[in-house]
Amino acid sequence: MSVFLAKEDVQILTLLGHQFSDMVMSCTFRGMSCRNYTTWNWTSFWHYKYGNCFVFNGGQVNGVPVDILRSNNPGPSEGLNLEINIDQEEYIGQLTPQAGIRVDISKAGEMPFPLEKGVSLAPGYATMLGLRKIIKERKDPFNTKRCLNSFDRDDHNFYTRFFNVSYSSTACKESCLAYNQFDKCGCVEYRFPAEGLFNICSVTNIKTLKCLSEVQNLYKNNKLNCTQSCPPPCRLEEFKISSSFATWPSQNYEKYYQDIVIENYKKLLITKSGSHRKNVLKLQVFFEDLDVEVVSEQRSYELVNFVSDIGGQLGLWIGFSVLTLAEFLELLILLCHLAVKKCFKRNETSESYRPS
């Protein structure tokens, strides 16, 4: 089935998935409504596992950069608030063992990877995701490319080529895996955005399936050189997420919420069980505070430290040697003085007892 989906046009697949207008019941950012898909620069892409994925404040629309929305104050009222309908009644039982949505929070301009880095949200709950921004600064003192300083456009990266996103090590590694699959198997998995570039592998072909499995094992064991060729950025911005949950809507509020939904959206969300908690959820994403945590990497041993240690060691040992030499000279002088003194005393004694 995945092979057939991969051969379909993305526009057709988009029409088959959940639509933004049906899925997003309410949207506010800093108290202003953001449910208008075009005005608020929402974008979307097709994901092989989750279908239609919607991106808010991604920094671009159709490959054209746009202004990034910013939050000037902490707290839920200054962030993004969403009420989402998952339409669980439309799920295909054998293909959807879980119900909910997947959220990936990343820097604007980066490719989202909801499966690899996302957070799962369950229906019937209000989920609050508090963010703290963290900046990690790495060093590459010997220019060995242990981290990447420049982010020039790389058309060999699938995600940069198709979505015009900035560099990320995850996107680079996924592209590296796809190119190795093509080199060794002559095709790539259907999950990669390779439309018009490479053939899609047929998982019904035993030989192809065995080849893909071998490449996956090499990738997991770091034998494809993907880790070395995809270093992390030297300056990385990410978010530390803390989550909290509450039942939503509450038992007494549920009937009022249903009236609001019918009045504003002309929808009836009650499921066969007589409740619509299995269909809706609330999400609040906001900054807990505006402080930025900076984790800076520095070389623990510089050239200055080396020279200082050499000077200290030389000073210690040379100083110790000089002192020891001085003590030996002092001892030698004392011994000579003592010997001379005894000789004089012996001469005086022999003279005083000389017979007349």
Protein backbone atom coordinates (compact mmCIF):
# COMPACT_ATOMS: atom_id res chain seq x y z
CA MET A 1 0.00 0.00 0.00
CA SER A 2 2.88 2.36 0.81
CA VAL A 3 4.26 1.89 -2.70
CA PHE A 4 0.94 2.89 -4.25
CA LEU A 5 0.72 5.97 -2.01
CA ALA A 6 4.28 6.96 -2.94
CA LYS A 7 3.39 6.91 -6.63
CA GLU A 8 0.40 9.22 -6.11
CA ASP A 9 0.68 12.96 -6.58
CA VAL A 10 1.23 14.90 -3.36
CA GLN A 11 -1.80 17.09 -4.07
CA ILE A 12 -4.03 14.01 -4.25
CA LEU A 13 -2.58 12.67 -1.01
CA THR A 14 -3.17 16.04 0.63
CA LEU A 15 -6.85 15.91 -0.29
CA LEU A 16 -7.13 12.45 1.26
CA GLY A 17 -5.80 13.60 4.65
CA HIS A 18 -7.24 15.77 7.41
CA GLN A 19 -7.88 19.31 6.21
CA PHE A 20 -6.79 22.36 8.17
CA SER A 21 -10.28 23.89 8.30
CA ASP A 22 -11.75 20.67 9.73
CA MET A 23 -8.88 19.87 12.07
CA VAL A 24 -8.14 23.25 13.70
CA MET A 25 -11.26 24.32 15.59
CA SER A 26 -9.67 27.35 17.22
CA CYS A 27 -6.30 29.07 16.96
CA THR A 28 -4.99 32.13 18.81
CA PHE A 29 -1.49 33.57 19.03
CA ARG A 30 -0.89 36.25 21.66
CA GLY A 31 -4.67 36.63 21.93
CA MET A 32 -5.25 37.14 18.18
CA SER A 33 -7.06 34.61 16.01
CA CYS A 34 -4.69 32.68 13.72
CA ARG A 35 -7.18 30.27 12.17
CA ASN A 36 -6.87 31.95 8.76
CA TYR A 37 -4.52 29.60 6.93
CA THR A 38 -3.22 32.16 4.42
CA THR A 39 -2.99 35.29 6.56
CA TRP A 40 -1.02 33.62 9.34
CA ASN A 41 1.48 31.92 7.02
CA TRP A 42 0.56 28.35 7.80
CA THR A 43 2.27 25.81 5.55
CA SER A 44 1.87 22.07 5.14
CA PHE A 45 3.71 19.00 3.92
CA TRP A 46 2.84 15.36 3.45
CA HIS A 47 4.31 12.87 5.93
CA TYR A 48 4.42 9.19 5.05
CA LYS A 49 3.12 8.17 8.51
CA TYR A 50 0.95 11.07 9.71
CA GLY A 51 -0.44 12.39 6.42
CA ASN A 52 -1.04 16.15 6.35
CA CYS A 53 1.30 18.04 8.70
CA PHE A 54 0.78 21.77 9.32
CA VAL A 55 3.58 24.17 10.21
CA PHE A 56 3.01 27.40 12.13
CA ASN A 57 5.55 30.22 12.02
CA GLY A 58 7.98 28.31 9.82
CA GLY A 59 9.66 31.44 8.48
CA GLN A 60 8.70 30.86 4.83
CA VAL A 61 5.74 30.32 2.54
CA ASN A 62 6.23 28.44 -0.75
CA GLY A 63 9.98 28.86 -0.38
CA VAL A 64 9.76 32.65 0.14
CA PRO A 65 11.06 33.98 3.50
CA VAL A 66 8.49 35.79 5.67
CA ASP A 67 8.71 37.57 9.01
CA ILE A 68 8.91 35.30 12.05
CA LEU A 69 6.32 35.90 14.76
CA ARG A 70 7.81 36.48 18.20
CA SER A 71 6.53 36.37 21.76
CA ASN A 72 7.55 39.23 24.04
CA ASN A 73 6.14 37.92 27.31
CA PRO A 74 5.97 34.53 29.04
CA GLY A 75 2.77 32.70 29.86
CA PRO A 76 -0.01 30.81 28.04
CA SER A 77 -1.84 33.98 26.95
CA GLU A 78 1.26 35.10 25.00
CA GLY A 79 1.76 31.84 23.13
CA LEU A 80 -0.04 29.60 20.65
CA ASN A 81 -3.38 28.12 21.71
CA LEU A 82 -5.07 25.45 19.58
CA GLU A 83 -8.26 23.42 19.82
CA ILE A 84 -8.00 20.44 17.51
CA ASN A 85 -10.50 17.92 16.20
CA ILE A 86 -8.90 14.59 15.29
CA ASP A 87 -12.04 13.00 13.75
CA GLN A 88 -11.31 9.65 15.36
CA GLU A 89 -14.46 8.19 13.82
CA GLU A 90 -12.74 8.35 10.43
CA TYR A 91 -9.71 6.32 11.55
CA ILE A 92 -9.00 3.04 9.79
CA GLY A 93 -8.81 0.49 12.56
CA GLN A 94 -6.01 -1.73 11.29
CA LEU A 95 -3.79 1.21 10.30
CA THR A 96 -4.25 3.52 13.31
CA PRO A 97 -3.55 1.84 16.66
CA GLN A 98 -3.10 5.26 18.32
CA ALA A 99 -5.30 8.37 18.39
CA GLY A 100 -4.07 11.92 18.82
CA ILE A 101 -1.65 14.32 17.20
CA ARG A 102 2.11 14.64 17.04
CA VAL A 103 3.85 17.98 17.70
CA ASP A 104 7.43 18.89 16.85
CA ILE A 105 8.78 22.20 18.17
CA SER A 106 11.93 23.36 16.42
CA LYS A 107 13.70 26.49 15.23
CA ALA A 108 11.93 28.41 12.45
CA GLY A 109 13.27 27.35 9.06
CA GLU A 110 14.24 23.81 10.08
CA MET A 111 12.56 20.70 8.73
CA PRO A 112 10.13 19.21 11.28
CA PHE A 113 10.57 15.53 12.07
CA PRO A 114 7.44 14.63 14.08
CA LEU A 115 8.15 10.91 14.16
CA GLU A 116 11.77 11.22 15.32
CA LYS A 117 11.52 14.24 17.63
CA GLY A 118 7.83 14.94 18.20
CA VAL A 119 5.62 14.83 21.28
CA SER A 120 2.35 12.86 21.27
CA LEU A 121 -0.84 14.52 22.53
CA ALA A 122 -3.95 12.57 23.48
CA PRO A 123 -7.58 13.61 22.90
CA GLY A 124 -9.66 14.60 25.90
CA TYR A 125 -6.80 16.56 27.48
CA ALA A 126 -5.52 20.11 27.62
CA THR A 127 -1.75 19.94 27.19
CA MET A 128 0.52 22.81 28.18
CA LEU A 129 4.03 22.82 26.71
CA GLY A 130 6.31 25.31 28.44
CA LEU A 131 9.45 26.24 26.51
CA ARG A 132 12.89 27.37 27.56
CA LYS A 133 15.32 28.36 24.83
CA ILE A 134 18.77 26.79 24.89
CA ILE A 135 21.70 27.82 22.70
CA LYS A 136 24.56 25.35 22.35
CA GLU A 137 27.86 26.68 21.05
CA ARG A 138 30.44 24.14 19.91
CA LYS A 139 34.06 24.67 18.90
CA ASP A 140 36.06 23.25 16.02
CA PRO A 141 39.61 24.38 16.94
CA PHE A 142 41.43 22.06 14.54
CA ASN A 143 39.02 22.43 11.58
CA THR A 144 38.19 18.74 11.64
CA LYS A 145 34.47 19.44 10.94
CA ARG A 146 33.34 18.09 14.29
CA CYS A 147 30.69 20.81 13.96
CA LEU A 148 29.43 22.86 11.01
CA ASN A 149 29.91 26.63 10.81
CA SER A 150 28.50 27.42 7.36
CA PHE A 151 25.01 26.53 6.17
CA ASP A 152 25.30 26.98 2.43
CA ARG A 153 22.47 25.49 0.40
CA ASP A 154 23.13 21.83 -0.28
CA ASP A 155 21.00 20.43 -3.11
CA HIS A 156 22.18 16.92 -2.25
CA ASN A 157 20.04 17.20 0.88
CA PHE A 158 16.55 15.99 0.00
CA TYR A 159 14.82 18.26 2.49
CA THR A 160 16.74 21.36 1.45
CA ARG A 161 15.96 20.64 -2.17
CA PHE A 162 12.23 19.98 -1.77
CA PHE A 163 11.32 22.19 1.19
CA ASN A 164 14.06 24.87 1.12
CA VAL A 165 14.79 24.36 4.82
CA SER A 166 17.99 25.14 6.69
CA TYR A 167 20.60 22.57 7.66
CA SER A 168 19.97 20.10 10.46
CA SER A 169 21.94 16.97 11.26
CA THR A 170 18.74 14.87 11.25
CA ALA A 171 17.82 15.95 7.71
CA CYS A 172 21.40 15.39 6.56
CA LYS A 173 21.52 11.86 8.01
CA GLU A 174 18.18 10.94 6.46
CA SER A 175 19.42 12.15 3.06
CA CYS A 176 22.64 10.21 3.53
CA LEU A 177 20.63 7.05 4.19
CA ALA A 178 18.53 7.63 1.07
CA TYR A 179 21.58 8.07 -1.17
CA ASN A 180 23.13 4.87 0.22
CA GLN A 181 19.90 3.01 -0.47
CA PHE A 182 19.95 4.21 -4.05
CA ASP A 183 23.63 3.33 -4.52
CA LYS A 184 23.24 -0.20 -3.14
CA CYS A 185 19.63 -1.07 -4.03
CA GLY A 186 18.84 1.17 -7.01
CA CYS A 187 15.86 2.76 -5.24
CA VAL A 188 14.86 4.57 -2.03
CA GLU A 189 12.17 4.05 0.60
CA TYR A 190 8.81 5.67 -0.05
CA ARG A 191 9.18 7.91 3.03
CA PHE A 192 11.82 10.09 1.39
CA PRO A 193 10.81 13.13 -0.72
CA ALA A 194 12.45 11.75 -3.87
CA GLU A 195 9.75 12.59 -6.40
CA GLY A 196 11.28 12.82 -9.86
CA LEU A 197 14.78 11.90 -8.64
CA PHE A 198 14.88 8.24 -7.67
CA ASN A 199 12.71 5.19 -8.02
CA ILE A 200 10.61 4.10 -5.06
CA CYS A 201 11.49 0.67 -3.69
CA SER A 202 8.88 -2.06 -3.83
CA VAL A 203 8.72 -3.78 -0.46
CA THR A 204 7.01 -6.77 -2.07
CA ASN A 205 10.26 -7.63 -3.86
CA ILE A 206 12.19 -10.00 -1.58
CA LYS A 207 15.58 -9.06 -3.05
CA THR A 208 14.90 -5.33 -2.66
CA LEU A 209 13.59 -5.82 0.88
CA LYS A 210 16.72 -7.74 1.85
CA CYS A 211 18.92 -5.02 0.36
CA LEU A 212 17.09 -2.28 2.27
CA SER A 213 17.40 -4.27 5.48
CA GLU A 214 21.17 -4.59 4.99
CA VAL A 215 21.52 -0.85 4.39
CA GLN A 216 19.44 -0.12 7.51
CA ASN A 217 21.69 -2.36 9.60
CA LEU A 218 24.78 -0.60 8.26
CA TYR A 219 23.19 2.74 9.06
CA LYS A 220 22.33 1.72 12.63
CA ASN A 221 25.89 0.49 13.19
CA ASN A 222 27.39 3.76 11.86
CA LYS A 223 29.05 2.02 8.91
CA LEU A 224 27.72 4.35 6.19
CA ASN A 225 29.75 7.40 7.27
CA CYS A 226 26.51 9.37 7.76
CA THR A 227 27.38 10.46 11.30
CA GLN A 228 30.80 11.80 10.26
CA SER A 229 29.46 13.56 7.16
CA CYS A 230 26.55 15.17 9.06
CA PRO A 231 28.08 16.95 12.06
CA PRO A 232 25.89 19.07 14.36
CA PRO A 233 25.86 22.86 13.87
CA CYS A 234 28.47 24.83 15.79
CA ARG A 235 25.61 27.04 17.02
CA LEU A 236 22.42 25.16 17.77
CA GLU A 237 19.14 26.65 18.99
CA GLU A 238 16.67 24.26 20.56
CA PHE A 239 13.92 24.22 23.16
CA LYS A 240 13.66 22.44 26.46
CA ILE A 241 10.03 21.36 26.89
CA SER A 242 8.13 20.82 30.14
CA SER A 243 4.59 19.45 29.85
CA SER A 244 1.49 19.34 32.03
CA PHE A 245 -1.96 17.88 31.41
CA ALA A 246 -5.57 18.31 32.49
CA THR A 247 -8.83 16.70 31.40
CA TRP A 248 -10.53 18.85 28.76
CA PRO A 249 -13.32 19.65 28.41
CA SER A 250 -14.44 19.00 31.96
CA GLN A 251 -17.56 17.00 32.64
CA ASN A 252 -19.76 20.01 33.41
CA TYR A 253 -18.27 22.17 30.65
CA GLU A 254 -18.70 19.56 27.94
CA LYS A 255 -22.30 20.35 27.01
CA TYR A 256 -21.55 24.09 26.81
CA TYR A 257 -18.55 23.42 24.63
CA GLN A 258 -20.67 21.33 22.28
CA ASP A 259 -23.09 24.25 21.88
CA ILE A 260 -20.17 26.57 21.08
CA VAL A 261 -18.85 24.15 18.46
CA ILE A 262 -22.24 23.81 16.78
CA GLU A 263 -22.81 27.56 16.78
CA ASN A 264 -19.38 28.59 15.50
CA TYR A 265 -18.27 25.67 13.36
CA LYS A 266 -21.54 23.91 12.51
CA LYS A 267 -20.07 20.57 13.65
CA LEU A 268 -21.27 17.79 15.89
CA LEU A 269 -18.33 16.13 17.60
CA ILE A 270 -20.20 13.65 19.76
CA THR A 271 -19.01 10.11 19.12
CA LYS A 272 -21.01 6.91 19.25
CA SER A 273 -20.23 6.65 22.96
CA GLY A 274 -22.11 9.90 23.59
CA SER A 275 -19.02 12.03 24.32
CA HIS A 276 -16.74 14.09 22.14
CA ARG A 277 -13.69 13.97 24.41
CA LYS A 278 -12.31 11.26 22.15
CA ASN A 279 -12.26 13.71 19.26
CA VAL A 280 -10.94 17.00 20.66
CA LEU A 281 -7.86 18.21 22.46
CA LYS A 282 -6.38 21.53 23.48
CA LEU A 283 -2.76 22.58 23.09
CA GLN A 284 -0.98 25.58 24.61
CA VAL A 285 2.62 26.34 23.60
CA PHE A 286 4.36 29.23 25.34
CA PHE A 287 7.61 30.42 26.88
CA GLU A 288 7.92 29.81 30.61
CA ASP A 289 10.35 32.71 30.76
CA LEU A 290 12.37 34.75 28.29
CA ASP A 291 15.77 33.85 29.71
CA VAL A 292 18.10 32.07 27.31
CA GLU A 293 20.41 29.34 28.57
CA VAL A 294 23.73 29.32 26.74
CA VAL A 295 25.87 26.18 26.87
CA SER A 296 29.26 27.14 25.50
CA GLU A 297 31.99 24.65 24.70
CA GLN A 298 35.57 25.76 25.32
CA ARG A 299 38.94 24.06 24.95
CA SER A 300 40.04 22.89 28.37
CA TYR A 301 43.78 23.13 27.55
CA GLU A 302 45.04 26.08 25.51
CA LEU A 303 48.57 26.86 24.26
CA VAL A 304 48.89 29.44 27.01
CA ASN A 305 48.21 26.73 29.61
CA PHE A 306 50.87 24.53 28.01
CA VAL A 307 53.51 27.28 28.07
CA SER A 308 52.60 28.16 31.65
CA ASP A 309 52.91 24.54 32.75
CA ILE A 310 56.31 24.22 31.02
CA GLY A 311 57.52 27.40 32.69
CA GLY A 312 56.23 26.26 36.05
CA GLN A 313 57.88 22.87 35.77
CA LEU A 314 61.16 24.39 34.62
CA GLY A 315 61.02 26.90 37.43
CA LEU A 316 60.36 24.16 39.95
CA TRP A 317 63.07 21.79 38.83
CA ILE A 318 65.71 24.42 38.00
CA GLY A 319 65.03 26.18 41.29
CA PHE A 320 65.25 22.87 43.13
CA SER A 321 68.57 22.08 41.41
CA VAL A 322 70.11 25.47 42.24
CA LEU A 323 69.09 25.18 45.86
CA THR A 324 70.50 21.67 46.06
CA LEU A 325 73.79 22.80 44.47
CA ALA A 326 74.01 25.70 46.89
CA GLU A 327 73.44 23.36 49.82
CA PHE A 328 76.16 21.01 48.57
CA LEU A 329 78.58 23.92 48.15
CA GLU A 330 77.70 25.13 51.63
CA LEU A 331 78.33 21.63 53.02
CA LEU A 332 81.64 21.40 51.17
CA ILE A 333 82.74 24.78 52.49
CA LEU A 334 81.76 23.80 56.03
CA LEU A 335 83.69 20.54 55.74
CA CYS A 336 86.76 22.34 54.39
CA HIS A 337 86.49 24.93 57.14
CA LEU A 338 86.20 22.19 59.74
CA ALA A 339 89.22 20.33 58.33
CA VAL A 340 91.34 23.45 58.23
CA LYS A 341 90.30 24.33 61.78
CA LYS A 342 91.30 20.87 63.05
CA CYS A 343 94.66 21.13 61.32
CA PHE A 344 95.41 24.45 63.01
CA LYS A 345 94.44 23.03 66.40
CA ARG A 346 96.74 20.01 65.90
CA ASN A 347 99.69 22.28 65.01
CA GLU A 348 99.11 24.45 68.07
CA THR A 349 99.06 21.38 70.35
CA SER A 350 102.33 19.97 68.98
CA GLU A 351 104.10 23.35 69.37
CA SER A 352 103.00 23.80 72.99
CA TYR A 353 104.46 20.44 74.08
CA ARG A 354 107.76 20.71 72.17
CA PRO A 355 110.72 19.64 74.49
CA SER A 356 113.37 22.30 75.36
